[in-house]
Amino acid sequence: MLKVYIDGSIGPKNPGQIASYGFEVRRNEEVVTQDRGVVARSEDSIYTNNVAEYGALIAFFKWYWKAFDNEFLIMDTCIQINKEDQLWTEAALVHSDSQLLVNQMNGMWAASRGIYLPYYKEAMELYADRLHKFIGIKWIRREQNVYADELSKYNHYV
C-alpha cells in the first residue's frame, strides 16, 4: 500500500497570491516520488489555503492515474468495479493535515461556497470515478506532515 502525504500552502500570507502544493508518495517507507507545483497565481491576494490543499490532492490523483497507466503500481489489490468488471491496482492512503479536505472528501462535511469550490468539485469527480474504492483519505496532525509541507512552500520563492 502506498502512503501519501499531501499539503498546500499560500504565499506570502493567507489569503495569498500564490497557491502551491507538495506531495510525497512512499512504499514501505521508501520514497517513490515527490512533486510540487503551483495550483494558481494572481496579482491579488485571493487564494486560500483550501485551494492549495485541494490542488495537492488533485495533483496526486493525476499522478496516480499516470502511474497506473504506465504500470508503475504494484497490482496487489483487486476491486470490483461493477458486476462484470474488476480492477487490479495498488491501494493508497492519503494523509492530509486539512480537516476541511478530509471531512469533505469522506462525505462528513458539505462544500457550498468559497474560492476553493471548483477545486473541490474536480477532486470529487476524480475520486468518485473509481478512486474512492482503493484510495483512502485520513487526517493527520501538521507535525506529521513535514515533508509535504516543505515541498508545498518551495514555489513561494521561485
N, C-alpha and C. Protein backbone atom coordinates (compact mmCIF):
# COMPACT_ATOMS: atom_id res chain seq x y z
N MET A 1 0.84 -1.18 0.00
CA MET A 1 0.00 0.00 0.00
C MET A 1 0.88 1.25 0.00
N LEU A 2 0.48 2.21 -0.80
CA LEU A 2 1.19 3.48 -0.85
C LEU A 2 0.73 4.36 0.31
N LYS A 3 1.68 5.05 0.92
CA LYS A 3 1.38 6.09 1.90
C LYS A 3 1.68 7.41 1.22
N VAL A 4 0.70 8.28 1.22
CA VAL A 4 0.82 9.55 0.51
C VAL A 4 0.63 10.69 1.50
N TYR A 5 1.48 11.68 1.39
CA TYR A 5 1.39 12.87 2.23
C TYR A 5 1.22 14.06 1.32
N ILE A 6 0.13 14.82 1.52
CA ILE A 6 -0.13 15.99 0.68
C ILE A 6 -0.22 17.24 1.54
N ASP A 7 0.12 18.37 0.95
CA ASP A 7 -0.06 19.64 1.65
C ASP A 7 -0.13 20.77 0.65
N GLY A 8 -0.83 21.80 1.03
CA GLY A 8 -0.93 23.01 0.23
C GLY A 8 -0.44 24.19 1.04
N SER A 9 -0.05 25.24 0.33
CA SER A 9 0.49 26.40 1.00
C SER A 9 0.12 27.66 0.22
N ILE A 10 -0.02 28.75 0.93
CA ILE A 10 -0.36 30.04 0.34
C ILE A 10 0.75 31.02 0.65
N GLY A 11 1.06 31.85 -0.31
CA GLY A 11 2.10 32.85 -0.07
C GLY A 11 1.74 34.18 -0.68
N PRO A 12 2.24 35.23 -0.17
CA PRO A 12 3.10 35.31 1.00
C PRO A 12 2.34 35.22 2.32
N LYS A 13 0.98 35.32 2.30
CA LYS A 13 0.16 35.15 3.51
C LYS A 13 -1.16 34.54 3.07
N ASN A 14 -2.06 34.27 4.01
CA ASN A 14 -3.35 33.66 3.70
C ASN A 14 -4.48 34.65 3.98
N PRO A 15 -5.29 35.07 3.01
CA PRO A 15 -5.25 34.68 1.60
C PRO A 15 -4.02 35.25 0.91
N GLY A 16 -3.64 34.61 -0.19
CA GLY A 16 -2.41 34.99 -0.85
C GLY A 16 -2.49 35.01 -2.36
N GLN A 17 -1.37 35.34 -2.97
CA GLN A 17 -1.28 35.44 -4.42
C GLN A 17 -0.85 34.14 -5.08
N ILE A 18 -0.18 33.27 -4.33
CA ILE A 18 0.31 32.02 -4.89
C ILE A 18 -0.21 30.85 -4.05
N ALA A 19 -0.92 29.96 -4.71
CA ALA A 19 -1.36 28.72 -4.06
C ALA A 19 -0.49 27.61 -4.64
N SER A 20 0.22 26.91 -3.78
CA SER A 20 1.11 25.85 -4.26
C SER A 20 0.89 24.57 -3.47
N TYR A 21 1.42 23.48 -4.01
CA TYR A 21 1.20 22.17 -3.39
C TYR A 21 2.50 21.38 -3.34
N GLY A 22 2.47 20.36 -2.51
CA GLY A 22 3.53 19.37 -2.46
C GLY A 22 2.94 18.03 -2.07
N PHE A 23 3.49 16.96 -2.61
CA PHE A 23 3.10 15.64 -2.14
C PHE A 23 4.27 14.69 -2.24
N GLU A 24 4.21 13.69 -1.37
CA GLU A 24 5.23 12.65 -1.32
C GLU A 24 4.52 11.30 -1.26
N VAL A 25 5.00 10.35 -2.07
CA VAL A 25 4.44 9.01 -2.09
C VAL A 25 5.50 8.04 -1.60
N ARG A 26 5.10 7.18 -0.64
CA ARG A 26 6.03 6.20 -0.07
C ARG A 26 5.45 4.79 -0.22
N ARG A 27 6.36 3.85 -0.42
CA ARG A 27 6.01 2.43 -0.42
C ARG A 27 6.99 1.76 0.54
N ASN A 28 6.48 1.14 1.60
CA ASN A 28 7.34 0.53 2.61
C ASN A 28 8.40 1.51 3.12
N GLU A 29 7.98 2.71 3.41
CA GLU A 29 8.83 3.78 3.94
C GLU A 29 9.86 4.31 2.94
N GLU A 30 9.93 3.75 1.76
CA GLU A 30 10.84 4.26 0.72
C GLU A 30 10.09 5.28 -0.13
N VAL A 31 10.72 6.43 -0.38
CA VAL A 31 10.10 7.46 -1.19
C VAL A 31 10.04 6.99 -2.65
N VAL A 32 8.82 6.96 -3.19
CA VAL A 32 8.59 6.57 -4.57
C VAL A 32 8.69 7.80 -5.48
N THR A 33 8.05 8.87 -5.05
CA THR A 33 8.10 10.12 -5.81
C THR A 33 7.73 11.28 -4.91
N GLN A 34 8.16 12.45 -5.34
CA GLN A 34 7.77 13.72 -4.72
C GLN A 34 7.42 14.67 -5.85
N ASP A 35 6.50 15.56 -5.56
CA ASP A 35 6.14 16.56 -6.57
C ASP A 35 5.74 17.84 -5.86
N ARG A 36 5.90 18.93 -6.56
CA ARG A 36 5.48 20.24 -6.06
C ARG A 36 5.15 21.10 -7.26
N GLY A 37 4.29 22.06 -7.05
CA GLY A 37 3.90 22.92 -8.16
C GLY A 37 2.99 24.03 -7.70
N VAL A 38 2.61 24.85 -8.65
CA VAL A 38 1.72 25.98 -8.40
C VAL A 38 0.31 25.59 -8.84
N VAL A 39 -0.64 25.77 -7.96
CA VAL A 39 -2.05 25.50 -8.27
C VAL A 39 -2.63 26.69 -9.00
N ALA A 40 -2.38 27.89 -8.47
CA ALA A 40 -2.94 29.12 -9.05
C ALA A 40 -2.11 30.31 -8.60
N ARG A 41 -2.15 31.35 -9.43
CA ARG A 41 -1.41 32.58 -9.16
C ARG A 41 -2.30 33.76 -9.53
N SER A 42 -2.18 34.85 -8.78
CA SER A 42 -2.97 36.05 -9.05
C SER A 42 -2.21 37.28 -8.58
N GLU A 43 -2.50 38.39 -9.20
CA GLU A 43 -1.93 39.67 -8.75
C GLU A 43 -2.54 40.07 -7.40
N ASP A 44 -3.77 39.64 -7.18
CA ASP A 44 -4.47 39.95 -5.94
C ASP A 44 -4.33 38.80 -4.95
N SER A 45 -4.47 39.10 -3.70
CA SER A 45 -4.42 38.07 -2.66
C SER A 45 -5.80 37.45 -2.50
N ILE A 46 -6.13 36.50 -3.38
CA ILE A 46 -7.48 35.94 -3.38
C ILE A 46 -7.51 34.46 -2.99
N TYR A 47 -6.38 33.77 -3.07
CA TYR A 47 -6.39 32.32 -2.86
C TYR A 47 -6.25 31.98 -1.38
N THR A 48 -6.99 30.96 -0.99
CA THR A 48 -6.95 30.48 0.39
C THR A 48 -6.17 29.17 0.46
N ASN A 49 -5.86 28.77 1.65
CA ASN A 49 -5.15 27.52 1.85
C ASN A 49 -5.96 26.33 1.33
N ASN A 50 -7.28 26.43 1.35
CA ASN A 50 -8.12 25.34 0.86
C ASN A 50 -7.90 25.08 -0.64
N VAL A 51 -7.68 26.14 -1.41
CA VAL A 51 -7.37 25.99 -2.83
C VAL A 51 -6.09 25.17 -2.98
N ALA A 52 -5.07 25.52 -2.20
CA ALA A 52 -3.78 24.83 -2.27
C ALA A 52 -3.90 23.37 -1.82
N GLU A 53 -4.65 23.11 -0.76
CA GLU A 53 -4.83 21.74 -0.26
C GLU A 53 -5.51 20.87 -1.32
N TYR A 54 -6.56 21.38 -1.92
CA TYR A 54 -7.24 20.60 -2.97
C TYR A 54 -6.35 20.46 -4.20
N GLY A 55 -5.55 21.47 -4.49
CA GLY A 55 -4.61 21.35 -5.59
C GLY A 55 -3.63 20.22 -5.38
N ALA A 56 -3.19 20.02 -4.14
CA ALA A 56 -2.28 18.92 -3.81
C ALA A 56 -2.95 17.57 -4.04
N LEU A 57 -4.20 17.45 -3.61
CA LEU A 57 -4.93 16.19 -3.78
C LEU A 57 -5.15 15.88 -5.26
N ILE A 58 -5.53 16.88 -6.02
CA ILE A 58 -5.75 16.71 -7.46
C ILE A 58 -4.45 16.29 -8.14
N ALA A 59 -3.35 16.93 -7.78
CA ALA A 59 -2.05 16.58 -8.38
C ALA A 59 -1.69 15.13 -8.08
N PHE A 60 -1.95 14.67 -6.83
CA PHE A 60 -1.69 13.27 -6.52
C PHE A 60 -2.59 12.35 -7.34
N PHE A 61 -3.89 12.64 -7.40
CA PHE A 61 -4.80 11.80 -8.17
C PHE A 61 -4.32 11.67 -9.62
N LYS A 62 -3.89 12.77 -10.20
CA LYS A 62 -3.41 12.73 -11.60
C LYS A 62 -2.13 11.89 -11.69
N TRP A 63 -1.23 12.02 -10.74
CA TRP A 63 -0.02 11.19 -10.73
C TRP A 63 -0.40 9.72 -10.63
N TYR A 64 -1.35 9.41 -9.77
CA TYR A 64 -1.76 8.02 -9.55
C TYR A 64 -2.25 7.38 -10.85
N TRP A 65 -3.13 8.09 -11.59
CA TRP A 65 -3.64 7.53 -12.85
C TRP A 65 -2.52 7.36 -13.87
N LYS A 66 -1.61 8.31 -13.90
CA LYS A 66 -0.47 8.19 -14.82
C LYS A 66 0.39 6.99 -14.44
N ALA A 67 0.64 6.81 -13.14
CA ALA A 67 1.43 5.66 -12.66
C ALA A 67 0.69 4.36 -12.98
N PHE A 68 -0.62 4.36 -12.85
CA PHE A 68 -1.42 3.19 -13.18
C PHE A 68 -1.29 2.86 -14.67
N ASP A 69 -1.46 3.87 -15.51
CA ASP A 69 -1.37 3.67 -16.96
C ASP A 69 0.01 3.19 -17.39
N ASN A 70 1.04 3.62 -16.70
CA ASN A 70 2.41 3.24 -17.05
C ASN A 70 2.88 1.97 -16.33
N GLU A 71 1.93 1.30 -15.65
CA GLU A 71 2.21 0.05 -14.95
C GLU A 71 3.31 0.20 -13.90
N PHE A 72 3.32 1.33 -13.24
CA PHE A 72 4.30 1.61 -12.20
C PHE A 72 3.84 1.10 -10.84
N LEU A 73 2.55 0.93 -10.68
CA LEU A 73 1.99 0.50 -9.40
C LEU A 73 2.12 -1.02 -9.26
N ILE A 74 2.15 -1.48 -8.02
CA ILE A 74 2.18 -2.91 -7.73
C ILE A 74 0.72 -3.36 -7.65
N MET A 75 0.33 -4.22 -8.54
CA MET A 75 -1.07 -4.63 -8.63
C MET A 75 -1.39 -5.67 -7.55
N ASP A 76 -1.65 -5.19 -6.35
CA ASP A 76 -1.86 -6.09 -5.21
C ASP A 76 -3.27 -6.04 -4.64
N THR A 77 -4.13 -5.21 -5.19
CA THR A 77 -5.48 -5.05 -4.69
C THR A 77 -6.48 -5.21 -5.82
N CYS A 78 -7.45 -6.08 -5.65
CA CYS A 78 -8.48 -6.28 -6.66
C CYS A 78 -9.77 -5.64 -6.17
N ILE A 79 -10.31 -4.75 -6.98
CA ILE A 79 -11.53 -4.04 -6.63
C ILE A 79 -12.61 -4.40 -7.64
N GLN A 80 -13.80 -4.72 -7.16
CA GLN A 80 -14.94 -4.98 -8.03
C GLN A 80 -15.53 -3.64 -8.45
N ILE A 81 -15.43 -3.29 -9.73
CA ILE A 81 -15.95 -2.02 -10.23
C ILE A 81 -17.47 -2.10 -10.40
N ASN A 82 -17.92 -3.12 -11.04
CA ASN A 82 -19.35 -3.41 -11.18
C ASN A 82 -19.50 -4.92 -11.30
N LYS A 83 -20.67 -5.39 -11.67
CA LYS A 83 -20.88 -6.85 -11.73
C LYS A 83 -19.89 -7.56 -12.63
N GLU A 84 -19.56 -6.95 -13.75
CA GLU A 84 -18.72 -7.60 -14.75
C GLU A 84 -17.23 -7.30 -14.62
N ASP A 85 -16.91 -6.12 -14.14
CA ASP A 85 -15.52 -5.65 -14.22
C ASP A 85 -14.82 -5.63 -12.87
N GLN A 86 -13.54 -5.99 -12.91
CA GLN A 86 -12.67 -5.88 -11.75
C GLN A 86 -11.45 -5.06 -12.16
N LEU A 87 -10.80 -4.46 -11.19
CA LEU A 87 -9.61 -3.67 -11.45
C LEU A 87 -8.55 -4.05 -10.43
N TRP A 88 -7.38 -4.40 -10.92
CA TRP A 88 -6.23 -4.67 -10.06
C TRP A 88 -5.39 -3.41 -9.98
N THR A 89 -5.03 -3.02 -8.79
CA THR A 89 -4.19 -1.85 -8.62
C THR A 89 -3.52 -1.88 -7.24
N GLU A 90 -2.79 -0.84 -6.94
CA GLU A 90 -2.15 -0.69 -5.63
C GLU A 90 -2.95 0.33 -4.82
N ALA A 91 -3.39 -0.08 -3.66
CA ALA A 91 -4.16 0.81 -2.80
C ALA A 91 -3.26 1.91 -2.24
N ALA A 92 -3.89 3.00 -1.83
CA ALA A 92 -3.14 4.13 -1.27
C ALA A 92 -3.93 4.74 -0.13
N LEU A 93 -3.21 5.29 0.83
CA LEU A 93 -3.82 6.04 1.91
C LEU A 93 -3.20 7.44 1.89
N VAL A 94 -4.05 8.42 1.62
CA VAL A 94 -3.62 9.82 1.55
C VAL A 94 -3.72 10.42 2.95
N HIS A 95 -2.64 11.07 3.39
CA HIS A 95 -2.60 11.74 4.68
C HIS A 95 -2.59 13.25 4.45
N SER A 96 -3.49 13.96 5.10
CA SER A 96 -3.57 15.41 4.96
C SER A 96 -3.80 16.03 6.33
N ASP A 97 -3.24 17.22 6.53
CA ASP A 97 -3.47 17.94 7.79
C ASP A 97 -4.62 18.94 7.67
N SER A 98 -5.37 18.86 6.57
CA SER A 98 -6.53 19.73 6.38
C SER A 98 -7.80 18.98 6.79
N GLN A 99 -8.36 19.36 7.93
CA GLN A 99 -9.61 18.73 8.37
C GLN A 99 -10.73 18.99 7.38
N LEU A 100 -10.77 20.17 6.80
CA LEU A 100 -11.80 20.50 5.83
C LEU A 100 -11.74 19.54 4.65
N LEU A 101 -10.58 19.38 4.05
CA LEU A 101 -10.43 18.49 2.90
C LEU A 101 -10.80 17.06 3.25
N VAL A 102 -10.28 16.54 4.34
CA VAL A 102 -10.52 15.15 4.73
C VAL A 102 -12.00 14.92 4.99
N ASN A 103 -12.62 15.80 5.76
CA ASN A 103 -14.04 15.61 6.09
C ASN A 103 -14.95 15.80 4.89
N GLN A 104 -14.61 16.72 3.98
CA GLN A 104 -15.42 16.87 2.78
C GLN A 104 -15.25 15.69 1.84
N MET A 105 -14.03 15.25 1.63
CA MET A 105 -13.81 14.13 0.71
C MET A 105 -14.41 12.83 1.25
N ASN A 106 -14.49 12.69 2.57
CA ASN A 106 -15.08 11.50 3.17
C ASN A 106 -16.59 11.63 3.38
N GLY A 107 -17.18 12.73 2.88
CA GLY A 107 -18.63 12.90 2.93
C GLY A 107 -19.19 13.32 4.27
N MET A 108 -18.34 13.78 5.17
CA MET A 108 -18.81 14.16 6.50
C MET A 108 -19.22 15.64 6.57
N TRP A 109 -18.61 16.47 5.74
CA TRP A 109 -18.94 17.89 5.68
C TRP A 109 -19.33 18.24 4.26
N ALA A 110 -20.22 19.20 4.13
CA ALA A 110 -20.64 19.67 2.81
C ALA A 110 -19.72 20.80 2.34
N ALA A 111 -19.68 20.99 1.06
CA ALA A 111 -18.96 22.13 0.47
C ALA A 111 -20.01 22.96 -0.28
N SER A 112 -20.15 24.22 0.09
CA SER A 112 -21.21 25.01 -0.53
C SER A 112 -20.72 26.27 -1.22
N ARG A 113 -19.67 26.87 -0.70
CA ARG A 113 -19.19 28.10 -1.33
C ARG A 113 -17.73 28.33 -0.97
N GLY A 114 -17.13 29.26 -1.66
CA GLY A 114 -15.73 29.58 -1.41
C GLY A 114 -14.94 29.48 -2.70
N ILE A 115 -13.82 30.16 -2.75
CA ILE A 115 -12.99 30.18 -3.96
C ILE A 115 -12.42 28.79 -4.27
N TYR A 116 -12.39 27.92 -3.26
CA TYR A 116 -11.86 26.57 -3.46
C TYR A 116 -12.87 25.62 -4.10
N LEU A 117 -14.13 26.01 -4.22
CA LEU A 117 -15.19 25.11 -4.66
C LEU A 117 -14.91 24.41 -6.01
N PRO A 118 -14.40 25.10 -7.04
CA PRO A 118 -14.10 24.39 -8.28
C PRO A 118 -13.02 23.30 -8.09
N TYR A 119 -12.08 23.52 -7.19
CA TYR A 119 -11.03 22.53 -6.92
C TYR A 119 -11.62 21.33 -6.17
N TYR A 120 -12.51 21.61 -5.23
CA TYR A 120 -13.22 20.54 -4.52
C TYR A 120 -13.99 19.68 -5.52
N LYS A 121 -14.72 20.33 -6.43
CA LYS A 121 -15.53 19.59 -7.41
C LYS A 121 -14.65 18.73 -8.31
N GLU A 122 -13.51 19.26 -8.74
CA GLU A 122 -12.60 18.47 -9.58
C GLU A 122 -12.06 17.27 -8.81
N ALA A 123 -11.67 17.49 -7.56
CA ALA A 123 -11.16 16.38 -6.74
C ALA A 123 -12.25 15.32 -6.54
N MET A 124 -13.48 15.76 -6.29
CA MET A 124 -14.58 14.80 -6.09
C MET A 124 -14.87 14.02 -7.38
N GLU A 125 -14.80 14.68 -8.52
CA GLU A 125 -15.02 13.97 -9.79
C GLU A 125 -13.96 12.89 -9.98
N LEU A 126 -12.72 13.21 -9.71
CA LEU A 126 -11.64 12.24 -9.85
C LEU A 126 -11.79 11.11 -8.84
N TYR A 127 -12.17 11.47 -7.62
CA TYR A 127 -12.27 10.49 -6.53
C TYR A 127 -13.48 9.58 -6.73
N ALA A 128 -14.60 10.16 -7.09
CA ALA A 128 -15.83 9.38 -7.24
C ALA A 128 -15.73 8.42 -8.42
N ASP A 129 -14.90 8.73 -9.38
CA ASP A 129 -14.73 7.86 -10.54
C ASP A 129 -13.74 6.75 -10.22
N ARG A 130 -14.14 5.82 -9.37
CA ARG A 130 -13.40 4.61 -9.00
C ARG A 130 -12.33 4.80 -7.94
N LEU A 131 -11.68 5.95 -7.85
CA LEU A 131 -10.57 6.09 -6.91
C LEU A 131 -10.98 5.83 -5.47
N HIS A 132 -12.19 6.20 -5.10
CA HIS A 132 -12.63 6.02 -3.71
C HIS A 132 -12.65 4.56 -3.29
N LYS A 133 -12.63 3.64 -4.25
CA LYS A 133 -12.65 2.22 -3.91
C LYS A 133 -11.30 1.71 -3.44
N PHE A 134 -10.21 2.40 -3.78
CA PHE A 134 -8.91 1.90 -3.35
C PHE A 134 -7.96 2.99 -2.86
N ILE A 135 -8.48 4.19 -2.66
CA ILE A 135 -7.68 5.26 -2.05
C ILE A 135 -8.47 5.83 -0.88
N GLY A 136 -7.89 5.75 0.30
CA GLY A 136 -8.50 6.33 1.48
C GLY A 136 -7.87 7.68 1.79
N ILE A 137 -8.57 8.50 2.54
CA ILE A 137 -8.07 9.83 2.90
C ILE A 137 -8.21 9.98 4.41
N LYS A 138 -7.11 10.31 5.06
CA LYS A 138 -7.04 10.33 6.52
C LYS A 138 -6.43 11.64 7.02
N TRP A 139 -6.95 12.16 8.12
CA TRP A 139 -6.41 13.37 8.73
C TRP A 139 -5.23 13.01 9.63
N ILE A 140 -4.19 13.85 9.57
CA ILE A 140 -3.05 13.75 10.48
C ILE A 140 -2.73 15.14 11.02
N ARG A 141 -2.00 15.17 12.12
CA ARG A 141 -1.57 16.46 12.68
C ARG A 141 -0.51 17.09 11.77
N ARG A 142 -0.45 18.38 11.81
CA ARG A 142 0.50 19.14 10.98
C ARG A 142 1.94 18.67 11.20
N GLU A 143 2.29 18.32 12.43
CA GLU A 143 3.66 17.88 12.74
C GLU A 143 4.01 16.57 12.04
N GLN A 144 3.03 15.81 11.63
CA GLN A 144 3.26 14.54 10.94
C GLN A 144 3.37 14.71 9.43
N ASN A 145 3.28 15.94 8.96
CA ASN A 145 3.22 16.20 7.53
C ASN A 145 4.36 17.13 7.08
N VAL A 146 5.50 16.99 7.69
CA VAL A 146 6.61 17.91 7.49
C VAL A 146 7.14 17.93 6.05
N TYR A 147 7.32 16.77 5.44
CA TYR A 147 7.92 16.72 4.10
C TYR A 147 7.03 17.34 3.05
N ALA A 148 5.74 17.01 3.07
CA ALA A 148 4.82 17.60 2.11
C ALA A 148 4.69 19.10 2.34
N ASP A 149 4.73 19.52 3.60
CA ASP A 149 4.67 20.94 3.93
C ASP A 149 5.86 21.69 3.33
N GLU A 150 7.06 21.13 3.49
CA GLU A 150 8.25 21.76 2.91
C GLU A 150 8.15 21.84 1.39
N LEU A 151 7.71 20.77 0.76
CA LEU A 151 7.56 20.76 -0.69
C LEU A 151 6.56 21.83 -1.15
N SER A 152 5.48 21.99 -0.42
CA SER A 152 4.43 22.93 -0.83
C SER A 152 4.89 24.38 -0.76
N LYS A 153 5.83 24.68 0.10
CA LYS A 153 6.28 26.07 0.26
C LYS A 153 7.37 26.47 -0.72
N TYR A 154 7.98 25.54 -1.39
CA TYR A 154 9.08 25.82 -2.30
C TYR A 154 8.71 26.85 -3.36
N ASN A 155 7.51 26.73 -3.91
CA ASN A 155 7.10 27.58 -5.03
C ASN A 155 6.87 29.04 -4.65
N HIS A 156 6.88 29.36 -3.39
CA HIS A 156 6.71 30.75 -2.98
C HIS A 156 7.98 31.56 -3.24
N TYR A 157 9.08 30.88 -3.42
CA TYR A 157 10.36 31.57 -3.55
C TYR A 157 10.95 31.47 -4.95
N VAL A 158 10.23 30.82 -5.86
CA VAL A 158 10.78 30.64 -7.21
C VAL A 158 10.27 31.73 -8.12
